[in-house]
């Protein structure tokens, strides 16, 4: 299992829930060989880290600015 390194929670306006939109989670995980990947989704951190939508490097660096392309898993 990958180790969760960082989690960013963001909320965006939602047409159907204007009062309390659900949080969107961005989860950065470290692989077994020192590489990284980022995932986005709704739910618990561990669920998003396993089943979320994988972000490209260009998307991930917008949320986690310290990433380097050499260490990012494509």
Protein backbone atom coordinates (compact mmCIF):
# COMPACT_ATOMS: atom_id res chain seq x y z
CA UNK A 1 0.00 0.00 0.00
CA UNK A 2 1.19 3.49 -0.83
CA UNK A 3 2.02 5.94 1.93
CA UNK A 4 -0.12 9.10 2.00
CA UNK A 5 2.24 12.10 2.10
CA UNK A 6 -0.14 15.06 1.78
CA UNK A 7 -3.84 15.80 1.47
CA UNK A 8 -5.40 18.97 0.10
CA UNK A 9 -9.12 19.58 0.63
CA UNK A 10 -10.90 22.04 -1.62
CA UNK A 11 -14.52 22.97 -2.07
CA UNK A 12 -16.05 24.25 -5.26
CA UNK A 13 -19.46 25.79 -5.86
CA UNK A 14 -22.07 23.17 -6.59
CA UNK A 15 -25.35 23.80 -8.37
CA UNK A 16 -27.24 21.14 -6.41
CA UNK A 17 -25.76 21.88 -2.96
CA UNK A 18 -25.16 25.63 -2.76
CA UNK A 19 -25.10 25.64 1.05
CA UNK A 20 -22.64 22.83 1.78
CA UNK A 21 -20.70 21.50 -1.25
CA UNK A 22 -18.75 18.26 -0.74
CA UNK A 23 -14.99 18.52 -0.29
CA UNK A 24 -12.80 17.40 -3.16
CA UNK A 25 -9.68 15.60 -1.92
CA UNK A 26 -6.31 15.71 -3.64
CA UNK A 27 -4.07 12.99 -2.19
CA UNK A 28 -0.33 12.72 -2.78
CA UNK A 29 1.13 9.25 -2.21
CA UNK A 30 4.68 7.94 -2.12
CA UNK A 31 5.39 4.64 -3.84
CA UNK A 32 7.71 1.89 -2.63
CA UNK A 33 10.61 3.09 -4.79
CA UNK A 34 10.45 6.76 -3.77
CA UNK A 35 8.25 7.94 -6.63
CA UNK A 36 5.05 9.95 -6.20
CA UNK A 37 1.54 10.04 -7.63
CA UNK A 38 -1.49 12.24 -6.94
CA UNK A 39 -5.15 11.29 -7.04
CA UNK A 40 -8.39 13.27 -6.81
CA UNK A 41 -11.84 12.21 -5.68
CA UNK A 42 -14.55 12.32 -3.04
CA UNK A 43 -14.49 10.14 0.06
CA UNK A 44 -11.95 9.11 2.65
CA UNK A 45 -8.26 9.81 2.08
CA UNK A 46 -7.32 6.12 1.84
CA UNK A 47 -10.14 5.44 -0.64
CA UNK A 48 -9.11 8.36 -2.89
CA UNK A 49 -5.45 7.24 -2.72
CA UNK A 50 -6.43 3.82 -4.11
CA UNK A 51 -9.43 4.46 -6.37
CA UNK A 52 -9.35 8.17 -7.20
CA UNK A 53 -8.62 9.67 -10.60
CA UNK A 54 -4.86 9.90 -11.18
CA UNK A 55 -3.61 13.39 -11.96
CA UNK A 56 -1.07 14.16 -14.66
CA UNK A 57 2.13 15.83 -13.50
CA UNK A 58 0.94 19.21 -14.82
CA UNK A 59 -2.27 18.92 -12.79
CA UNK A 60 -0.56 17.58 -9.66
CA UNK A 61 2.06 20.32 -9.49
CA UNK A 62 -0.74 22.91 -9.33
CA UNK A 63 -1.96 21.35 -6.07
CA UNK A 64 1.40 20.14 -4.70
CA UNK A 65 3.95 22.70 -5.96
CA UNK A 66 7.06 20.94 -4.59
CA UNK A 67 6.81 17.95 -6.94
CA UNK A 68 9.54 17.23 -9.46
CA UNK A 69 8.81 15.63 -12.80
CA UNK A 70 11.63 13.10 -12.41
CA UNK A 71 10.03 11.57 -9.29
CA UNK A 72 6.41 11.70 -10.50
CA UNK A 73 4.87 8.40 -11.60
CA UNK A 74 3.21 8.72 -14.99
